[in-house]
Amino acid sequence: MSGQCLGKEADLAAHGSGALSISRLEPSEQEIRLIRVDTAAVSVRIQISRKYAGQPADVDFRFTRIWKRVCGRLRSPILASSPNRLRS
């Protein structure tokens, strides 16, 4: 992939067609911050090895989500969900 943004439908189609395949997901640096009794921010770094249209690439992302307990169940994203590509 060349920095293009894929929407949810295009992302699912790429996986479904086999154009995009993931061979490794390696999480690290997980951080959980309690914001309130019922709300937390969770951040995790994930290193991904993948192929898109036959071209291999290793990418490094940090995913951040805000979780909130609503009616006894955890819900996400409540306020934010953000994947950010980290620079090498």
N, C-alpha and C. Protein backbone atom coordinates (compact mmCIF):
# COMPACT_ATOMS: atom_id res chain seq x y z
N MET A 1 0.85 -1.17 0.00
CA MET A 1 0.00 0.00 0.00
C MET A 1 0.89 1.23 0.00
N SER A 2 0.45 2.27 -0.61
CA SER A 2 1.28 3.45 -0.79
C SER A 2 0.75 4.65 -0.01
N GLY A 3 0.38 4.45 1.23
CA GLY A 3 -0.10 5.56 2.03
C GLY A 3 -1.55 5.92 1.79
N GLN A 4 -2.22 5.14 0.94
CA GLN A 4 -3.62 5.45 0.66
C GLN A 4 -4.49 5.08 1.86
N CYS A 5 -5.58 5.77 2.01
CA CYS A 5 -6.53 5.48 3.08
C CYS A 5 -7.62 4.58 2.53
N LEU A 6 -7.89 3.52 3.27
CA LEU A 6 -8.98 2.62 2.90
C LEU A 6 -10.12 2.80 3.89
N GLY A 7 -11.32 2.89 3.39
CA GLY A 7 -12.48 2.89 4.26
C GLY A 7 -12.77 1.47 4.71
N LYS A 8 -13.73 1.30 5.57
CA LYS A 8 -14.06 -0.01 6.12
C LYS A 8 -14.40 -1.01 5.02
N GLU A 9 -15.24 -0.61 4.06
CA GLU A 9 -15.65 -1.52 2.99
C GLU A 9 -14.47 -1.96 2.14
N ALA A 10 -13.61 -1.01 1.76
CA ALA A 10 -12.43 -1.33 0.95
C ALA A 10 -11.46 -2.23 1.71
N ASP A 11 -11.31 -1.97 3.01
CA ASP A 11 -10.43 -2.79 3.85
C ASP A 11 -10.94 -4.22 3.91
N LEU A 12 -12.23 -4.38 4.16
CA LEU A 12 -12.82 -5.73 4.21
C LEU A 12 -12.72 -6.43 2.86
N ALA A 13 -12.92 -5.70 1.77
CA ALA A 13 -12.82 -6.28 0.44
C ALA A 13 -11.39 -6.74 0.14
N ALA A 14 -10.40 -5.95 0.55
CA ALA A 14 -8.99 -6.31 0.34
C ALA A 14 -8.64 -7.59 1.08
N HIS A 15 -9.13 -7.72 2.32
CA HIS A 15 -8.91 -8.95 3.08
C HIS A 15 -9.64 -10.12 2.42
N GLY A 16 -10.89 -9.91 2.05
CA GLY A 16 -11.72 -10.97 1.47
C GLY A 16 -11.19 -11.49 0.15
N SER A 17 -10.61 -10.61 -0.66
CA SER A 17 -10.11 -11.01 -1.97
C SER A 17 -8.72 -11.65 -1.90
N GLY A 18 -8.07 -11.50 -0.76
CA GLY A 18 -6.71 -12.01 -0.62
C GLY A 18 -5.65 -11.00 -1.04
N ALA A 19 -6.05 -9.82 -1.51
CA ALA A 19 -5.08 -8.79 -1.90
C ALA A 19 -4.26 -8.32 -0.70
N LEU A 20 -4.87 -8.34 0.48
CA LEU A 20 -4.19 -7.95 1.72
C LEU A 20 -4.17 -9.14 2.65
N SER A 21 -2.97 -9.54 3.06
CA SER A 21 -2.87 -10.63 4.04
C SER A 21 -1.90 -10.22 5.14
N ILE A 22 -2.20 -10.63 6.35
CA ILE A 22 -1.38 -10.30 7.52
C ILE A 22 -0.75 -11.59 8.02
N SER A 23 0.58 -11.57 8.17
CA SER A 23 1.29 -12.77 8.64
C SER A 23 1.76 -12.65 10.08
N ARG A 24 1.81 -11.43 10.62
CA ARG A 24 2.28 -11.24 12.00
C ARG A 24 1.64 -10.01 12.61
N LEU A 25 1.15 -10.18 13.84
CA LEU A 25 0.68 -9.07 14.68
C LEU A 25 1.40 -9.21 16.01
N GLU A 26 2.22 -8.24 16.35
CA GLU A 26 2.98 -8.32 17.58
C GLU A 26 2.70 -7.11 18.47
N PRO A 27 1.81 -7.29 19.47
CA PRO A 27 1.49 -6.17 20.36
C PRO A 27 2.59 -5.93 21.39
N SER A 28 2.76 -4.68 21.79
CA SER A 28 3.69 -4.30 22.85
C SER A 28 3.26 -2.95 23.40
N GLU A 29 3.91 -2.52 24.44
CA GLU A 29 3.69 -1.19 25.02
C GLU A 29 2.21 -0.89 25.29
N GLN A 30 1.52 -1.84 25.89
CA GLN A 30 0.11 -1.59 26.24
C GLN A 30 0.05 -0.67 27.45
N GLU A 31 -0.81 0.32 27.36
CA GLU A 31 -0.99 1.26 28.45
C GLU A 31 -2.49 1.47 28.68
N ILE A 32 -2.91 1.36 29.92
CA ILE A 32 -4.32 1.58 30.28
C ILE A 32 -4.35 2.72 31.30
N ARG A 33 -5.12 3.75 30.97
CA ARG A 33 -5.26 4.89 31.89
C ARG A 33 -6.71 5.02 32.29
N LEU A 34 -6.97 4.92 33.57
CA LEU A 34 -8.32 5.10 34.09
C LEU A 34 -8.63 6.59 34.10
N ILE A 35 -9.67 6.97 33.38
CA ILE A 35 -10.06 8.37 33.29
C ILE A 35 -11.09 8.68 34.37
N ARG A 36 -12.06 7.79 34.52
CA ARG A 36 -13.09 7.85 35.56
C ARG A 36 -13.33 6.43 36.01
N VAL A 37 -14.18 6.24 36.98
CA VAL A 37 -14.48 4.90 37.49
C VAL A 37 -14.99 3.99 36.37
N ASP A 38 -15.72 4.55 35.39
CA ASP A 38 -16.33 3.74 34.34
C ASP A 38 -15.73 3.97 32.95
N THR A 39 -14.60 4.70 32.86
CA THR A 39 -14.02 5.06 31.56
C THR A 39 -12.50 4.90 31.59
N ALA A 40 -11.95 4.29 30.52
CA ALA A 40 -10.50 4.10 30.43
C ALA A 40 -10.02 4.34 29.01
N ALA A 41 -8.81 4.83 28.90
CA ALA A 41 -8.13 4.97 27.60
C ALA A 41 -7.13 3.83 27.50
N VAL A 42 -7.17 3.11 26.39
CA VAL A 42 -6.27 1.98 26.17
C VAL A 42 -5.45 2.26 24.92
N SER A 43 -4.14 2.14 25.04
CA SER A 43 -3.23 2.36 23.92
C SER A 43 -2.31 1.15 23.81
N VAL A 44 -2.10 0.67 22.57
CA VAL A 44 -1.20 -0.46 22.35
C VAL A 44 -0.45 -0.26 21.04
N ARG A 45 0.82 -0.58 21.06
CA ARG A 45 1.63 -0.54 19.84
C ARG A 45 1.56 -1.93 19.20
N ILE A 46 1.37 -1.98 17.88
CA ILE A 46 1.30 -3.27 17.18
C ILE A 46 2.18 -3.21 15.94
N GLN A 47 3.11 -4.14 15.87
CA GLN A 47 3.94 -4.29 14.68
C GLN A 47 3.29 -5.34 13.79
N ILE A 48 3.10 -4.99 12.53
CA ILE A 48 2.35 -5.82 11.59
C ILE A 48 3.23 -6.16 10.39
N SER A 49 3.29 -7.44 10.05
CA SER A 49 3.91 -7.88 8.80
C SER A 49 2.76 -8.27 7.88
N ARG A 50 2.77 -7.72 6.66
CA ARG A 50 1.64 -7.95 5.76
C ARG A 50 2.12 -7.95 4.31
N LYS A 51 1.24 -8.37 3.44
CA LYS A 51 1.45 -8.27 2.00
C LYS A 51 0.22 -7.61 1.40
N TYR A 52 0.45 -6.68 0.50
CA TYR A 52 -0.65 -6.03 -0.23
C TYR A 52 -0.30 -6.12 -1.70
N ALA A 53 -1.16 -6.75 -2.47
CA ALA A 53 -0.94 -6.96 -3.90
C ALA A 53 0.42 -7.61 -4.14
N GLY A 54 0.78 -8.56 -3.27
CA GLY A 54 2.02 -9.30 -3.43
C GLY A 54 3.26 -8.62 -2.90
N GLN A 55 3.16 -7.39 -2.45
CA GLN A 55 4.31 -6.63 -1.95
C GLN A 55 4.36 -6.70 -0.42
N PRO A 56 5.45 -7.25 0.16
CA PRO A 56 5.55 -7.32 1.61
C PRO A 56 5.85 -5.96 2.23
N ALA A 57 5.38 -5.76 3.44
CA ALA A 57 5.65 -4.52 4.18
C ALA A 57 5.52 -4.79 5.67
N ASP A 58 6.42 -4.21 6.43
CA ASP A 58 6.33 -4.21 7.88
C ASP A 58 5.91 -2.81 8.30
N VAL A 59 4.87 -2.73 9.11
CA VAL A 59 4.37 -1.44 9.57
C VAL A 59 4.21 -1.45 11.08
N ASP A 60 4.26 -0.29 11.65
CA ASP A 60 4.22 -0.11 13.10
C ASP A 60 3.10 0.88 13.41
N PHE A 61 2.09 0.44 14.18
CA PHE A 61 0.95 1.27 14.51
C PHE A 61 0.81 1.40 16.02
N ARG A 62 0.15 2.46 16.44
CA ARG A 62 -0.34 2.58 17.81
C ARG A 62 -1.84 2.79 17.72
N PHE A 63 -2.59 1.91 18.37
CA PHE A 63 -4.05 1.99 18.40
C PHE A 63 -4.47 2.53 19.76
N THR A 64 -5.37 3.49 19.75
CA THR A 64 -5.89 4.06 20.99
C THR A 64 -7.41 4.02 20.94
N ARG A 65 -8.01 3.55 22.02
CA ARG A 65 -9.47 3.51 22.13
C ARG A 65 -9.90 3.98 23.52
N ILE A 66 -11.06 4.59 23.55
CA ILE A 66 -11.67 4.97 24.82
C ILE A 66 -12.80 3.97 25.09
N TRP A 67 -12.73 3.33 26.24
CA TRP A 67 -13.75 2.34 26.65
C TRP A 67 -14.58 2.93 27.79
N LYS A 68 -15.86 2.59 27.80
CA LYS A 68 -16.76 3.06 28.86
C LYS A 68 -17.72 1.93 29.23
N ARG A 69 -17.95 1.79 30.52
CA ARG A 69 -18.92 0.80 30.99
C ARG A 69 -20.31 1.43 30.92
N VAL A 70 -21.20 0.81 30.14
CA VAL A 70 -22.57 1.28 29.96
C VAL A 70 -23.50 0.12 30.27
N CYS A 71 -24.37 0.30 31.22
CA CYS A 71 -25.31 -0.75 31.62
C CYS A 71 -24.59 -2.06 31.93
N GLY A 72 -23.44 -1.96 32.59
CA GLY A 72 -22.71 -3.15 33.00
C GLY A 72 -21.83 -3.78 31.94
N ARG A 73 -21.80 -3.22 30.72
CA ARG A 73 -20.99 -3.79 29.64
C ARG A 73 -20.00 -2.76 29.12
N LEU A 74 -18.80 -3.22 28.75
CA LEU A 74 -17.81 -2.31 28.18
C LEU A 74 -18.16 -2.00 26.74
N ARG A 75 -18.05 -0.75 26.37
CA ARG A 75 -18.34 -0.28 25.01
C ARG A 75 -17.14 0.49 24.47
N SER A 76 -16.82 0.25 23.21
CA SER A 76 -15.77 1.02 22.53
C SER A 76 -16.07 1.04 21.05
N PRO A 77 -15.76 2.06 20.30
CA PRO A 77 -15.28 3.33 20.82
C PRO A 77 -16.43 4.19 21.30
N ILE A 78 -16.23 4.83 22.40
CA ILE A 78 -17.23 5.75 22.93
C ILE A 78 -16.95 7.16 22.44
N LEU A 79 -15.73 7.63 22.69
CA LEU A 79 -15.37 8.99 22.30
C LEU A 79 -14.36 9.01 21.16
N ALA A 80 -13.51 7.99 21.10
CA ALA A 80 -12.44 8.00 20.09
C ALA A 80 -11.90 6.62 19.84
N SER A 81 -11.49 6.41 18.62
CA SER A 81 -10.77 5.21 18.23
C SER A 81 -9.81 5.64 17.14
N SER A 82 -8.52 5.48 17.38
CA SER A 82 -7.56 6.05 16.45
C SER A 82 -6.38 5.14 16.21
N PRO A 83 -6.21 4.62 14.96
CA PRO A 83 -4.96 3.95 14.62
C PRO A 83 -3.99 4.98 14.04
N ASN A 84 -2.77 5.01 14.52
CA ASN A 84 -1.77 5.95 14.03
C ASN A 84 -0.52 5.18 13.61
N ARG A 85 -0.08 5.39 12.37
CA ARG A 85 1.13 4.73 11.89
C ARG A 85 2.33 5.46 12.48
N LEU A 86 3.23 4.68 13.09
CA LEU A 86 4.43 5.24 13.68
C LEU A 86 5.54 5.27 12.64
N ARG A 87 6.39 6.24 12.73
CA ARG A 87 7.52 6.36 11.80
C ARG A 87 8.65 5.44 12.27
N SER A 88 9.35 4.88 11.31
CA SER A 88 10.49 3.99 11.63
C SER A 88 11.72 4.80 12.00
